[in-house]
PDB file of N, CA and C in Angstrom:
ATOM      1  N   MET A   1    -113.048 233.117 107.685  1.00  0.00           N
ATOM      2  CA  MET A   1    -112.333 232.495 106.604  1.00  0.00           C
ATOM      3  C   MET A   1    -111.155 231.666 107.137  1.00  0.00           C
ATOM      4  N   GLU A   2    -110.397 232.224 108.059  1.00  0.00           N
ATOM      5  CA  GLU A   2    -109.249 231.515 108.630  1.00  0.00           C
ATOM      6  C   GLU A   2    -109.713 230.283 109.395  1.00  0.00           C
ATOM      7  N   ASN A   3    -110.839 230.368 110.078  1.00  0.00           N
ATOM      8  CA  ASN A   3    -111.378 229.252 110.839  1.00  0.00           C
ATOM      9  C   ASN A   3    -111.737 228.094 109.901  1.00  0.00           C
ATOM     10  N   LEU A   4    -112.274 228.402 108.733  1.00  0.00           N
ATOM     11  CA  LEU A   4    -112.616 227.378 107.748  1.00  0.00           C
ATOM     12  C   LEU A   4    -111.356 226.662 107.265  1.00  0.00           C
ATOM     13  N   LYS A   5    -110.283 227.396 107.016  1.00  0.00           N
ATOM     14  CA  LYS A   5    -109.023 226.787 106.592  1.00  0.00           C
ATOM     15  C   LYS A   5    -108.490 225.841 107.666  1.00  0.00           C
ATOM     16  N   GLU A   6    -108.586 226.263 108.914  1.00  0.00           N
ATOM     17  CA  GLU A   6    -108.121 225.419 110.014  1.00  0.00           C
ATOM     18  C   GLU A   6    -108.940 224.134 110.082  1.00  0.00           C
ATOM     19  N   LYS A   7    -110.256 224.232 109.903  1.00  0.00           N
ATOM     20  CA  LYS A   7    -111.106 223.049 109.948  1.00  0.00           C
ATOM     21  C   LYS A   7    -110.768 222.082 108.816  1.00  0.00           C
ATOM     22  N   VAL A   8    -110.581 222.606 107.621  1.00  0.00           N
ATOM     23  CA  VAL A   8    -110.242 221.763 106.478  1.00  0.00           C
ATOM     24  C   VAL A   8    -108.886 221.103 106.702  1.00  0.00           C
ATOM     25  N   HIS A   9    -107.897 221.859 107.170  1.00  0.00           N
ATOM     26  CA  HIS A   9    -106.567 221.324 107.431  1.00  0.00           C
ATOM     27  C   HIS A   9    -106.626 220.274 108.538  1.00  0.00           C
ATOM     28  N   SER A  10    -107.396 220.537 109.568  1.00  0.00           N
ATOM     29  CA  SER A  10    -107.536 219.610 110.683  1.00  0.00           C
ATOM     30  C   SER A  10    -108.187 218.311 110.220  1.00  0.00           C
ATOM     31  N   ARG A  11    -109.192 218.428 109.358  1.00  0.00           N
ATOM     32  CA  ARG A  11    -109.870 217.241 108.846  1.00  0.00           C
ATOM     33  C   ARG A  11    -108.900 216.407 108.009  1.00  0.00           C
ATOM     34  N   GLY A  12    -108.070 217.053 107.225  1.00  0.00           N
ATOM     35  CA  GLY A  12    -107.074 216.352 106.415  1.00  0.00           C
ATOM     36  C   GLY A  12    -106.080 215.577 107.271  1.00  0.00           C
ATOM     37  N   ARG A  13    -105.639 216.201 108.350  1.00  0.00           N
ATOM     38  CA  ARG A  13    -104.718 215.519 109.269  1.00  0.00           C
ATOM     39  C   ARG A  13    -105.383 214.309 109.905  1.00  0.00           C
ATOM     40  N   LYS A  14    -106.653 214.467 110.296  1.00  0.00           N
ATOM     41  CA  LYS A  14    -107.378 213.365 110.923  1.00  0.00           C
ATOM     42  C   LYS A  14    -107.559 212.209 109.943  1.00  0.00           C
ATOM     43  N   GLU A  15    -107.891 212.511 108.696  1.00  0.00           N
ATOM     44  CA  GLU A  15    -108.061 211.461 107.694  1.00  0.00           C
ATOM     45  C   GLU A  15    -106.745 210.733 107.433  1.00  0.00           C
ATOM     46  N   ARG A  16    -105.644 211.473 107.382  1.00  0.00           N
ATOM     47  CA  ARG A  16    -104.332 210.840 107.190  1.00  0.00           C
ATOM     48  C   ARG A  16    -103.982 209.957 108.385  1.00  0.00           C
ATOM     49  N   ARG A  17    -104.235 210.477 109.589  1.00  0.00           N
ATOM     50  CA  ARG A  17    -103.945 209.705 110.804  1.00  0.00           C
ATOM     51  C   ARG A  17    -104.798 208.443 110.834  1.00  0.00           C
ATOM     52  N   ASP A  18    -106.075 208.572 110.454  1.00  0.00           N
ATOM     53  CA  ASP A  18    -106.962 207.409 110.426  1.00  0.00           C
ATOM     54  C   ASP A  18    -106.504 206.384 109.382  1.00  0.00           C
ATOM     55  N   GLY A  19    -106.031 206.872 108.222  1.00  0.00           N
ATOM     56  CA  GLY A  19    -105.529 205.973 107.183  1.00  0.00           C
ATOM     57  C   GLY A  19    -104.307 205.206 107.652  1.00  0.00           C
ATOM     58  N   LEU A  20    -103.414 205.882 108.313  1.00  0.00           N
ATOM     59  CA  LEU A  20    -102.211 205.242 108.832  1.00  0.00           C
ATOM     60  C   LEU A  20    -102.564 204.230 109.913  1.00  0.00           C
ATOM     61  N   LYS A  21    -103.509 204.597 110.762  1.00  0.00           N
ATOM     62  CA  LYS A  21    -103.955 203.681 111.819  1.00  0.00           C
ATOM     63  C   LYS A  21    -104.594 202.438 111.208  1.00  0.00           C
ATOM     64  N   ARG A  22    -105.353 202.615 110.130  1.00  0.00           N
ATOM     65  CA  ARG A  22    -105.993 201.486 109.458  1.00  0.00           C
ATOM     66  C   ARG A  22    -104.946 200.525 108.905  1.00  0.00           C
ATOM     67  N   ILE A  23    -103.914 201.057 108.270  1.00  0.00           N
ATOM     68  CA  ILE A  23    -102.852 200.206 107.730  1.00  0.00           C
ATOM     69  C   ILE A  23    -102.162 199.438 108.855  1.00  0.00           C
ATOM     70  N   THR A  24    -101.868 200.125 109.948  1.00  0.00           N
ATOM     71  CA  THR A  24    -101.218 199.481 111.096  1.00  0.00           C
ATOM     72  C   THR A  24    -102.097 198.390 111.690  1.00  0.00           C
ATOM     73  N   THR A  25    -103.390 198.656 111.828  1.00  0.00           N
ATOM     74  CA  THR A  25    -104.318 197.680 112.396  1.00  0.00           C
ATOM     75  C   THR A  25    -104.429 196.451 111.498  1.00  0.00           C
ATOM     76  N   ILE A  26    -104.486 196.668 110.190  1.00  0.00           N
ATOM     77  CA  ILE A  26    -104.521 195.541 109.257  1.00  0.00           C
ATOM     78  C   ILE A  26    -103.251 194.709 109.388  1.00  0.00           C
ATOM     79  N   GLY A  27    -102.105 195.369 109.497  1.00  0.00           N
ATOM     80  CA  GLY A  27    -100.836 194.657 109.660  1.00  0.00           C
ATOM     81  C   GLY A  27    -100.818 193.794 110.907  1.00  0.00           C
ATOM     82  N   TRP A  28    -101.270 194.350 112.021  1.00  0.00           N
ATOM     83  CA  TRP A  28    -101.310 193.565 113.259  1.00  0.00           C
ATOM     84  C   TRP A  28    -102.300 192.402 113.139  1.00  0.00           C
ATOM     85  N   GLY A  29    -103.422 192.645 112.497  1.00  0.00           N
ATOM     86  CA  GLY A  29    -104.388 191.562 112.298  1.00  0.00           C
ATOM     87  C   GLY A  29    -103.784 190.430 111.490  1.00  0.00           C
ATOM     88  N   LEU A  30    -103.115 190.772 110.395  1.00  0.00           N
ATOM     89  CA  LEU A  30    -102.463 189.747 109.567  1.00  0.00           C
ATOM     90  C   LEU A  30    -101.371 189.019 110.345  1.00  0.00           C
ATOM     91  N   PHE A  31    -100.637 189.765 111.162  1.00  0.00           N
ATOM     92  CA  PHE A  31     -99.586 189.154 111.980  1.00  0.00           C
ATOM     93  C   PHE A  31    -100.155 188.072 112.896  1.00  0.00           C
ATOM     94  N   PHE A  32    -101.217 188.391 113.637  1.00  0.00           N
ATOM     95  CA  PHE A  32    -101.785 187.417 114.580  1.00  0.00           C
ATOM     96  C   PHE A  32    -102.442 186.239 113.853  1.00  0.00           C
ATOM     97  N   ILE A  33    -103.104 186.505 112.738  1.00  0.00           N
ATOM     98  CA  ILE A  33    -103.685 185.412 111.953  1.00  0.00           C
ATOM     99  C   ILE A  33    -102.580 184.488 111.453  1.00  0.00           C
ATOM    100  N   TRP A  34    -101.504 185.076 110.895  1.00  0.00           N
ATOM    101  CA  TRP A  34    -100.392 184.281 110.383  1.00  0.00           C
ATOM    102  C   TRP A  34     -99.748 183.453 111.490  1.00  0.00           C
ATOM    103  N   LEU A  35     -99.471 184.095 112.619  1.00  0.00           N
ATOM    104  CA  LEU A  35     -98.837 183.404 113.737  1.00  0.00           C
ATOM    105  C   LEU A  35     -99.713 182.242 114.215  1.00  0.00           C
ATOM    106  N   GLY A  36    -101.004 182.496 114.387  1.00  0.00           N
ATOM    107  CA  GLY A  36    -101.916 181.431 114.820  1.00  0.00           C
ATOM    108  C   GLY A  36    -101.986 180.292 113.826  1.00  0.00           C
ATOM    109  N   PHE A  37    -102.067 180.620 112.540  1.00  0.00           N
ATOM    110  CA  PHE A  37    -102.144 179.599 111.506  1.00  0.00           C
ATOM    111  C   PHE A  37    -100.890 178.725 111.490  1.00  0.00           C
ATOM    112  N   VAL A  38     -99.725 179.355 111.503  1.00  0.00           N
ATOM    113  CA  VAL A  38     -98.478 178.589 111.433  1.00  0.00           C
ATOM    114  C   VAL A  38     -98.295 177.739 112.688  1.00  0.00           C
ATOM    115  N   LEU A  39     -98.695 178.259 113.845  1.00  0.00           N
ATOM    116  CA  LEU A  39     -98.600 177.463 115.069  1.00  0.00           C
ATOM    117  C   LEU A  39     -99.573 176.285 115.045  1.00  0.00           C
ATOM    118  N   MET A  40    -100.763 176.488 114.446  1.00  0.00           N
ATOM    119  CA  MET A  40    -101.739 175.392 114.350  1.00  0.00           C
ATOM    120  C   MET A  40    -101.214 174.239 113.506  1.00  0.00           C
ATOM    121  N   ILE A  41    -100.511 174.556 112.431  1.00  0.00           N
ATOM    122  CA  ILE A  41    -100.039 173.490 111.543  1.00  0.00           C
ATOM    123  C   ILE A  41     -98.627 173.020 111.890  1.00  0.00           C
ATOM    124  N   HIS A  42     -98.055 173.570 112.943  1.00  0.00           N
ATOM    125  CA  HIS A  42     -96.722 173.176 113.431  1.00  0.00           C
ATOM    126  C   HIS A  42     -95.672 173.253 112.313  1.00  0.00           C
ATOM    127  N   ALA A  43     -95.654 174.374 111.602  1.00  0.00           N
ATOM    128  CA  ALA A  43     -94.778 174.510 110.436  1.00  0.00           C
ATOM    129  C   ALA A  43     -93.369 174.960 110.788  1.00  0.00           C
ATOM    130  N   GLY A  44     -93.135 175.490 111.945  1.00  0.00           N
ATOM    131  CA  GLY A  44     -91.783 175.863 112.334  1.00  0.00           C
ATOM    132  C   GLY A  44     -91.517 177.350 112.282  1.00  0.00           C
ATOM    133  N   SER A  45     -90.410 177.718 112.891  1.00  0.00           N
ATOM    134  CA  SER A  45     -90.074 179.128 113.039  1.00  0.00           C
ATOM    135  C   SER A  45     -89.678 179.786 111.717  1.00  0.00           C
ATOM    136  N   GLY A  46     -89.133 179.017 110.785  1.00  0.00           N
ATOM    137  CA  GLY A  46     -88.745 179.590 109.504  1.00  0.00           C
ATOM    138  C   GLY A  46     -89.936 180.179 108.764  1.00  0.00           C
ATOM    139  N   LEU A  47     -91.045 179.451 108.747  1.00  0.00           N
ATOM    140  CA  LEU A  47     -92.245 179.933 108.072  1.00  0.00           C
ATOM    141  C   LEU A  47     -92.858 181.120 108.819  1.00  0.00           C
ATOM    142  N   ILE A  48     -92.772 181.104 110.146  1.00  0.00           N
ATOM    143  CA  ILE A  48     -93.258 182.246 110.927  1.00  0.00           C
ATOM    144  C   ILE A  48     -92.476 183.500 110.544  1.00  0.00           C
ATOM    145  N   LEU A  49     -91.150 183.404 110.549  1.00  0.00           N
ATOM    146  CA  LEU A  49     -90.312 184.555 110.228  1.00  0.00           C
ATOM    147  C   LEU A  49     -90.524 185.030 108.799  1.00  0.00           C
ATOM    148  N   LEU A  50     -90.649 184.101 107.875  1.00  0.00           N
ATOM    149  CA  LEU A  50     -90.884 184.459 106.477  1.00  0.00           C
ATOM    150  C   LEU A  50     -92.184 185.245 106.333  1.00  0.00           C
ATOM    151  N   GLY A  51     -93.238 184.749 106.959  1.00  0.00           N
ATOM    152  CA  GLY A  51     -94.534 185.433 106.887  1.00  0.00           C
ATOM    153  C   GLY A  51     -94.516 186.798 107.542  1.00  0.00           C
ATOM    154  N   VAL A  52     -93.888 186.902 108.698  1.00  0.00           N
ATOM    155  CA  VAL A  52     -93.804 188.183 109.393  1.00  0.00           C
ATOM    156  C   VAL A  52     -93.010 189.183 108.553  1.00  0.00           C
ATOM    157  N   GLY A  53     -91.960 188.719 107.908  1.00  0.00           N
ATOM    158  CA  GLY A  53     -91.182 189.599 107.036  1.00  0.00           C
ATOM    159  C   GLY A  53     -92.000 190.090 105.854  1.00  0.00           C
ATOM    160  N   ILE A  54     -92.754 189.194 105.246  1.00  0.00           N
ATOM    161  CA  ILE A  54     -93.599 189.580 104.109  1.00  0.00           C
ATOM    162  C   ILE A  54     -94.681 190.559 104.552  1.00  0.00           C
ATOM    163  N   ILE A  55     -95.273 190.323 105.718  1.00  0.00           N
ATOM    164  CA  ILE A  55     -96.290 191.252 106.243  1.00  0.00           C
ATOM    165  C   ILE A  55     -95.665 192.617 106.508  1.00  0.00           C
ATOM    166  N   SER A  56     -94.477 192.639 107.124  1.00  0.00           N
ATOM    167  CA  SER A  56     -93.796 193.913 107.412  1.00  0.00           C
ATOM    168  C   SER A  56     -93.499 194.685 106.132  1.00  0.00           C
ATOM    169  N   LEU A  57     -92.984 193.993 105.134  1.00  0.00           N
ATOM    170  CA  LEU A  57     -92.686 194.648 103.862  1.00  0.00           C
ATOM    171  C   LEU A  57     -93.963 195.089 103.157  1.00  0.00           C
ATOM    172  N   GLY A  58     -94.995 194.259 103.233  1.00  0.00           N
ATOM    173  CA  GLY A  58     -96.280 194.611 102.634  1.00  0.00           C
ATOM    174  C   GLY A  58     -96.888 195.855 103.258  1.00  0.00           C
ATOM    175  N   MET A  59     -96.725 196.006 104.563  1.00  0.00           N
ATOM    176  CA  MET A  59     -97.230 197.213 105.227  1.00  0.00           C
ATOM    177  C   MET A  59     -96.499 198.459 104.731  1.00  0.00           C
ATOM    178  N   GLN A  60     -95.206 198.333 104.464  1.00  0.00           N
ATOM    179  CA  GLN A  60     -94.459 199.483 103.965  1.00  0.00           C
ATOM    180  C   GLN A  60     -94.881 199.841 102.549  1.00  0.00           C
ATOM    181  N   VAL A  61     -95.190 198.826 101.745  1.00  0.00           N
ATOM    182  CA  VAL A  61     -95.701 199.081 100.393  1.00  0.00           C
ATOM    183  C   VAL A  61     -97.057 199.774 100.487  1.00  0.00           C
ATOM    184  N   ALA A  62     -97.921 199.285 101.391  1.00  0.00           N
ATOM    185  CA  ALA A  62     -99.241 199.900 101.568  1.00  0.00           C
ATOM    186  C   ALA A  62     -99.111 201.348 102.029  1.00  0.00           C
ATOM    187  N   ARG A  63     -98.185 201.614 102.927  1.00  0.00           N
ATOM    188  CA  ARG A  63     -97.957 202.989 103.376  1.00  0.00           C
ATOM    189  C   ARG A  63     -97.539 203.877 102.211  1.00  0.00           C
ATOM    190  N   LYS A  64     -96.619 203.383 101.406  1.00  0.00           N
ATOM    191  CA  LYS A  64     -96.095 204.165 100.287  1.00  0.00           C
ATOM    192  C   LYS A  64     -97.200 204.465  99.272  1.00  0.00           C
ATOM    193  N   TYR A  65     -98.000 203.455  98.924  1.00  0.00           N
ATOM    194  CA  TYR A  65     -99.056 203.656  97.939  1.00  0.00           C
ATOM    195  C   TYR A  65    -100.248 204.430  98.487  1.00  0.00           C
ATOM    196  N   SER A  66    -100.313 204.577  99.797  1.00  0.00           N
ATOM    197  CA  SER A  66    -101.379 205.375 100.413  1.00  0.00           C
ATOM    198  C   SER A  66    -100.941 206.813 100.661  1.00  0.00           C
ATOM    199  N   GLY A  67     -99.748 207.153 100.213  1.00  0.00           N
ATOM    200  CA  GLY A  67     -99.271 208.524 100.339  1.00  0.00           C
ATOM    201  C   GLY A  67     -98.494 208.820 101.608  1.00  0.00           C
ATOM    202  N   PHE A  68     -98.131 207.787 102.349  1.00  0.00           N
ATOM    203  CA  PHE A  68     -97.342 207.968 103.558  1.00  0.00           C
ATOM    204  C   PHE A  68     -95.892 207.597 103.268  1.00  0.00           C
ATOM    205  N   ASP A  69     -94.985 208.087 104.088  1.00  0.00           N
ATOM    206  CA  ASP A  69     -93.590 207.688 103.961  1.00  0.00           C
ATOM    207  C   ASP A  69     -93.436 206.263 104.468  1.00  0.00           C
ATOM    208  N   SER A  70     -92.611 205.494 103.776  1.00  0.00           N
ATOM    209  CA  SER A  70     -92.297 204.167 104.291  1.00  0.00           C
ATOM    210  C   SER A  70     -91.247 204.333 105.385  1.00  0.00           C
ATOM    211  N   ASP A  71     -91.189 203.358 106.261  1.00  0.00           N
ATOM    212  CA  ASP A  71     -90.275 203.408 107.399  1.00  0.00           C
ATOM    213  C   ASP A  71     -89.073 202.515 107.107  1.00  0.00           C
ATOM    214  N   GLY A  72     -87.912 203.125 106.938  1.00  0.00           N
ATOM    215  CA  GLY A  72     -86.698 202.394 106.594  1.00  0.00           C
ATOM    216  C   GLY A  72     -86.364 201.301 107.588  1.00  0.00           C
ATOM    217  N   PHE A  73     -86.610 201.566 108.854  1.00  0.00           N
ATOM    218  CA  PHE A  73     -86.327 200.564 109.883  1.00  0.00           C
ATOM    219  C   PHE A  73     -87.105 199.290 109.605  1.00  0.00           C
ATOM    220  N   TRP A  74     -88.410 199.421 109.334  1.00  0.00           N
ATOM    221  CA  TRP A  74     -89.242 198.240 109.107  1.00  0.00           C
ATOM    222  C   TRP A  74     -88.943 197.568 107.773  1.00  0.00           C
ATOM    223  N   ILE A  75     -88.426 198.315 106.818  1.00  0.00           N
ATOM    224  CA  ILE A  75     -87.994 197.690 105.565  1.00  0.00           C
ATOM    225  C   ILE A  75     -86.785 196.784 105.845  1.00  0.00           C
ATOM    226  N   VAL A  76     -85.846 197.282 106.632  1.00  0.00           N
ATOM    227  CA  VAL A  76     -84.670 196.475 106.989  1.00  0.00           C
ATOM    228  C   VAL A  76     -85.093 195.270 107.827  1.00  0.00           C
ATOM    229  N   VAL A  77     -85.936 195.478 108.829  1.00  0.00           N
ATOM    230  CA  VAL A  77     -86.369 194.387 109.694  1.00  0.00           C
ATOM    231  C   VAL A  77     -87.155 193.346 108.894  1.00  0.00           C
ATOM    232  N   GLY A  78     -88.064 193.808 108.039  1.00  0.00           N
ATOM    233  CA  GLY A  78     -88.834 192.875 107.215  1.00  0.00           C
ATOM    234  C   GLY A  78     -87.945 192.062 106.299  1.00  0.00           C
ATOM    235  N   THR A  79     -86.969 192.718 105.703  1.00  0.00           N
ATOM    236  CA  THR A  79     -86.026 192.016 104.826  1.00  0.00           C
ATOM    237  C   THR A  79     -85.232 190.978 105.616  1.00  0.00           C
ATOM    238  N   LEU A  80     -84.802 191.353 106.821  1.00  0.00           N
ATOM    239  CA  LEU A  80     -84.077 190.396 107.666  1.00  0.00           C
ATOM    240  C   LEU A  80     -84.958 189.215 108.047  1.00  0.00           C
ATOM    241  N   PHE A  81     -86.226 189.464 108.391  1.00  0.00           N
ATOM    242  CA  PHE A  81     -87.139 188.365 108.724  1.00  0.00           C
ATOM    243  C   PHE A  81     -87.286 187.406 107.546  1.00  0.00           C
ATOM    244  N   VAL A  82     -87.442 187.960 106.342  1.00  0.00           N
ATOM    245  CA  VAL A  82     -87.562 187.112 105.156  1.00  0.00           C
ATOM    246  C   VAL A  82     -86.280 186.303 104.969  1.00  0.00           C
ATOM    247  N   PHE A  83     -85.145 186.972 105.066  1.00  0.00           N
ATOM    248  CA  PHE A  83     -83.852 186.311 104.880  1.00  0.00           C
ATOM    249  C   PHE A  83     -83.639 185.210 105.914  1.00  0.00           C
ATOM    250  N   VAL A  84     -83.871 185.522 107.174  1.00  0.00           N
ATOM    251  CA  VAL A  84     -83.664 184.533 108.240  1.00  0.00           C
ATOM    252  C   VAL A  84     -84.680 183.399 108.119  1.00  0.00           C
ATOM    253  N   GLY A  85     -85.919 183.723 107.757  1.00  0.00           N
ATOM    254  CA  GLY A  85     -86.932 182.686 107.579  1.00  0.00           C
ATOM    255  C   GLY A  85     -86.552 181.709 106.483  1.00  0.00           C
ATOM    256  N   LEU A  86     -86.098 182.237 105.350  1.00  0.00           N
ATOM    257  CA  LEU A  86     -85.645 181.356 104.264  1.00  0.00           C
ATOM    258  C   LEU A  86     -84.428 180.551 104.691  1.00  0.00           C
ATOM    259  N   TRP A  87     -83.504 181.207 105.394  1.00  0.00           N
ATOM    260  CA  TRP A  87     -82.297 180.537 105.885  1.00  0.00           C
ATOM    261  C   TRP A  87     -82.680 179.347 106.766  1.00  0.00           C
ATOM    262  N   GLU A  88     -83.659 179.577 107.641  1.00  0.00           N
ATOM    263  CA  GLU A  88     -84.120 178.528 108.555  1.00  0.00           C
ATOM    264  C   GLU A  88     -84.836 177.410 107.786  1.00  0.00           C
ATOM    265  N   MET A  89     -85.678 177.789 106.845  1.00  0.00           N
ATOM    266  CA  MET A  89     -86.431 176.789 106.085  1.00  0.00           C
ATOM    267  C   MET A  89     -85.513 175.939 105.217  1.00  0.00           C
ATOM    268  N   LEU A  90     -84.452 176.525 104.691  1.00  0.00           N
ATOM    269  CA  LEU A  90     -83.501 175.789 103.864  1.00  0.00           C
ATOM    270  C   LEU A  90     -82.489 175.021 104.705  1.00  0.00           C
ATOM    271  N   ASP A  91     -82.552 175.209 106.025  1.00  0.00           N
ATOM    272  CA  ASP A  91     -81.711 174.503 106.989  1.00  0.00           C
ATOM    273  C   ASP A  91     -80.222 174.685 106.698  1.00  0.00           C
ATOM    274  N   VAL A  92     -79.836 175.925 106.442  1.00  0.00           N
ATOM    275  CA  VAL A  92     -78.429 176.234 106.187  1.00  0.00           C
ATOM    276  C   VAL A  92     -77.678 176.219 107.514  1.00  0.00           C
ATOM    277  N   LYS A  93     -76.609 175.462 107.544  1.00  0.00           N
ATOM    278  CA  LYS A  93     -75.800 175.353 108.767  1.00  0.00           C
ATOM    279  C   LYS A  93     -74.530 176.175 108.595  1.00  0.00           C
ATOM    280  N   MET A  94     -74.604 177.427 109.022  1.00  0.00           N
ATOM    281  CA  MET A  94     -73.426 178.292 108.886  1.00  0.00           C
ATOM    282  C   MET A  94     -73.463 179.332 109.994  1.00  0.00           C
ATOM    283  N   PRO A  95     -72.429 179.413 110.821  1.00  0.00           N
ATOM    284  CA  PRO A  95     -72.434 180.379 111.910  1.00  0.00           C
ATOM    285  C   PRO A  95     -72.389 181.835 111.434  1.00  0.00           C
ATOM    286  N   LEU A  96     -72.112 182.037 110.173  1.00  0.00           N
ATOM    287  CA  LEU A  96     -72.061 183.390 109.638  1.00  0.00           C
ATOM    288  C   LEU A  96     -73.380 184.128 109.871  1.00  0.00           C
ATOM    289  N   MET A  97     -74.482 183.407 109.814  1.00  0.00           N
ATOM    290  CA  MET A  97     -75.787 184.038 109.995  1.00  0.00           C
ATOM    291  C   MET A  97     -75.895 184.666 111.386  1.00  0.00           C
ATOM    292  N   SER A  98     -75.486 183.952 112.392  1.00  0.00           N
ATOM    293  CA  SER A  98     -75.539 184.494 113.753  1.00  0.00           C
ATOM    294  C   SER A  98     -74.659 185.727 113.889  1.00  0.00           C
ATOM    295  N   VAL A  99     -73.482 185.647 113.339  1.00  0.00           N
ATOM    296  CA  VAL A  99     -72.555 186.778 113.394  1.00  0.00           C
ATOM    297  C   VAL A  99     -73.144 187.970 112.641  1.00  0.00           C
ATOM    298  N   LEU A 100     -73.723 187.715 111.475  1.00  0.00           N
ATOM    299  CA  LEU A 100     -74.329 188.777 110.677  1.00  0.00           C
ATOM    300  C   LEU A 100     -75.436 189.485 111.459  1.00  0.00           C
ATOM    301  N   LEU A 101     -76.273 188.728 112.137  1.00  0.00           N
ATOM    302  CA  LEU A 101     -77.352 189.341 112.917  1.00  0.00           C
ATOM    303  C   LEU A 101     -76.814 190.184 114.065  1.00  0.00           C
ATOM    304  N   VAL A 102     -75.774 189.717 114.729  1.00  0.00           N
ATOM    305  CA  VAL A 102     -75.172 190.490 115.817  1.00  0.00           C
ATOM    306  C   VAL A 102     -74.571 191.778 115.275  1.00  0.00           C
ATOM    307  N   VAL A 103     -73.885 191.701 114.146  1.00  0.00           N
ATOM    308  CA  VAL A 103     -73.280 192.895 113.545  1.00  0.00           C
ATOM    309  C   VAL A 103     -74.363 193.897 113.154  1.00  0.00           C
ATOM    310  N   ILE A 104     -75.420 193.425 112.542  1.00  0.00           N
ATOM    311  CA  ILE A 104     -76.514 194.323 112.155  1.00  0.00           C
ATOM    312  C   ILE A 104     -77.130 194.973 113.391  1.00  0.00           C
ATOM    313  N   GLY A 105     -77.328 194.196 114.443  1.00  0.00           N
ATOM    314  CA  GLY A 105     -77.849 194.755 115.686  1.00  0.00           C
ATOM    315  C   GLY A 105     -76.943 195.828 116.257  1.00  0.00           C
ATOM    316  N   CYS A 106     -75.642 195.589 116.209  1.00  0.00           N
ATOM    317  CA  CYS A 106     -74.677 196.584 116.694  1.00  0.00           C
ATOM    318  C   CYS A 106     -74.720 197.857 115.846  1.00  0.00           C
ATOM    319  N   VAL A 107     -74.881 197.701 114.538  1.00  0.00           N
ATOM    320  CA  VAL A 107     -74.977 198.872 113.660  1.00  0.00           C
ATOM    321  C   VAL A 107     -76.189 199.713 114.054  1.00  0.00           C
ATOM    322  N   PHE A 108     -77.323 199.049 114.308  1.00  0.00           N
ATOM    323  CA  PHE A 108     -78.520 199.776 114.753  1.00  0.00           C
ATOM    324  C   PHE A 108     -78.266 200.520 116.061  1.00  0.00           C
ATOM    325  N   LEU A 109     -77.644 199.839 117.023  1.00  0.00           N
ATOM    326  CA  LEU A 109     -77.393 200.468 118.322  1.00  0.00           C
ATOM    327  C   LEU A 109     -76.458 201.661 118.199  1.00  0.00           C
ATOM    328  N   VAL A 110     -75.380 201.504 117.468  1.00  0.00           N
ATOM    329  CA  VAL A 110     -74.428 202.604 117.300  1.00  0.00           C
ATOM    330  C   VAL A 110     -75.105 203.777 116.581  1.00  0.00           C
ATOM    331  N   SER A 111     -75.898 203.463 115.574  1.00  0.00           N
ATOM    332  CA  SER A 111     -76.616 204.520 114.840  1.00  0.00           C
ATOM    333  C   SER A 111     -77.555 205.279 115.768  1.00  0.00           C
ATOM    334  N   ALA A 112     -78.264 204.558 116.629  1.00  0.00           N
ATOM    335  CA  ALA A 112     -79.196 205.197 117.561  1.00  0.00           C
ATOM    336  C   ALA A 112     -78.449 206.042 118.596  1.00  0.00           C
ATOM    337  N   ILE A 113     -77.329 205.535 119.091  1.00  0.00           N
ATOM    338  CA  ILE A 113     -76.549 206.265 120.095  1.00  0.00           C
ATOM    339  C   ILE A 113     -75.963 207.548 119.495  1.00  0.00           C
ATOM    340  N   LYS A 114     -75.512 207.462 118.259  1.00  0.00           N
ATOM    341  CA  LYS A 114     -74.955 208.645 117.599  1.00  0.00           C
ATOM    342  C   LYS A 114     -76.045 209.608 117.129  1.00  0.00           C
ATOM    343  N   GLY A 115     -77.305 209.193 117.226  1.00  0.00           N
ATOM    344  CA  GLY A 115     -78.412 210.084 116.861  1.00  0.00           C
ATOM    345  C   GLY A 115     -78.755 210.092 115.398  1.00  0.00           C
ATOM    346  N   LYS A 116     -78.349 209.084 114.656  1.00  0.00           N
ATOM    347  CA  LYS A 116     -78.651 209.040 113.238  1.00  0.00           C
ATOM    348  C   LYS A 116     -79.813 208.118 112.922  1.00  0.00           C
ATOM    349  N   GLY A 117     -80.421 207.465 113.906  1.00  0.00           N
ATOM    350  CA  GLY A 117     -81.448 206.473 113.624  1.00  0.00           C
ATOM    351  C   GLY A 117     -82.757 206.772 114.189  1.00  0.00           C
TER     352      GLY A 117
END
């Protein structure tokens, strides 16, 4: 009886792991297709960043709706990619963006060093 429970539990873990792997593989596939497409049409880095951000956020939505936890790090990174991509596409000339990215990077580093990330 105990062996049957272990097999059922093990199968559940494998199915969850396979589901997560499938979502990740789809995300990487979309990433390479998007990157290749944007490079073919010479659309610029803003559109690349925008697409990568949307793909990153979409993967987190897919994880959440598939019963997995979303990853806060990738939600922040995806949001930043979308923001920076739009900033680039709109051709905003403001050094604040560079400073903002450095500050955000420092926050990540300090959080990781303190063990909170």
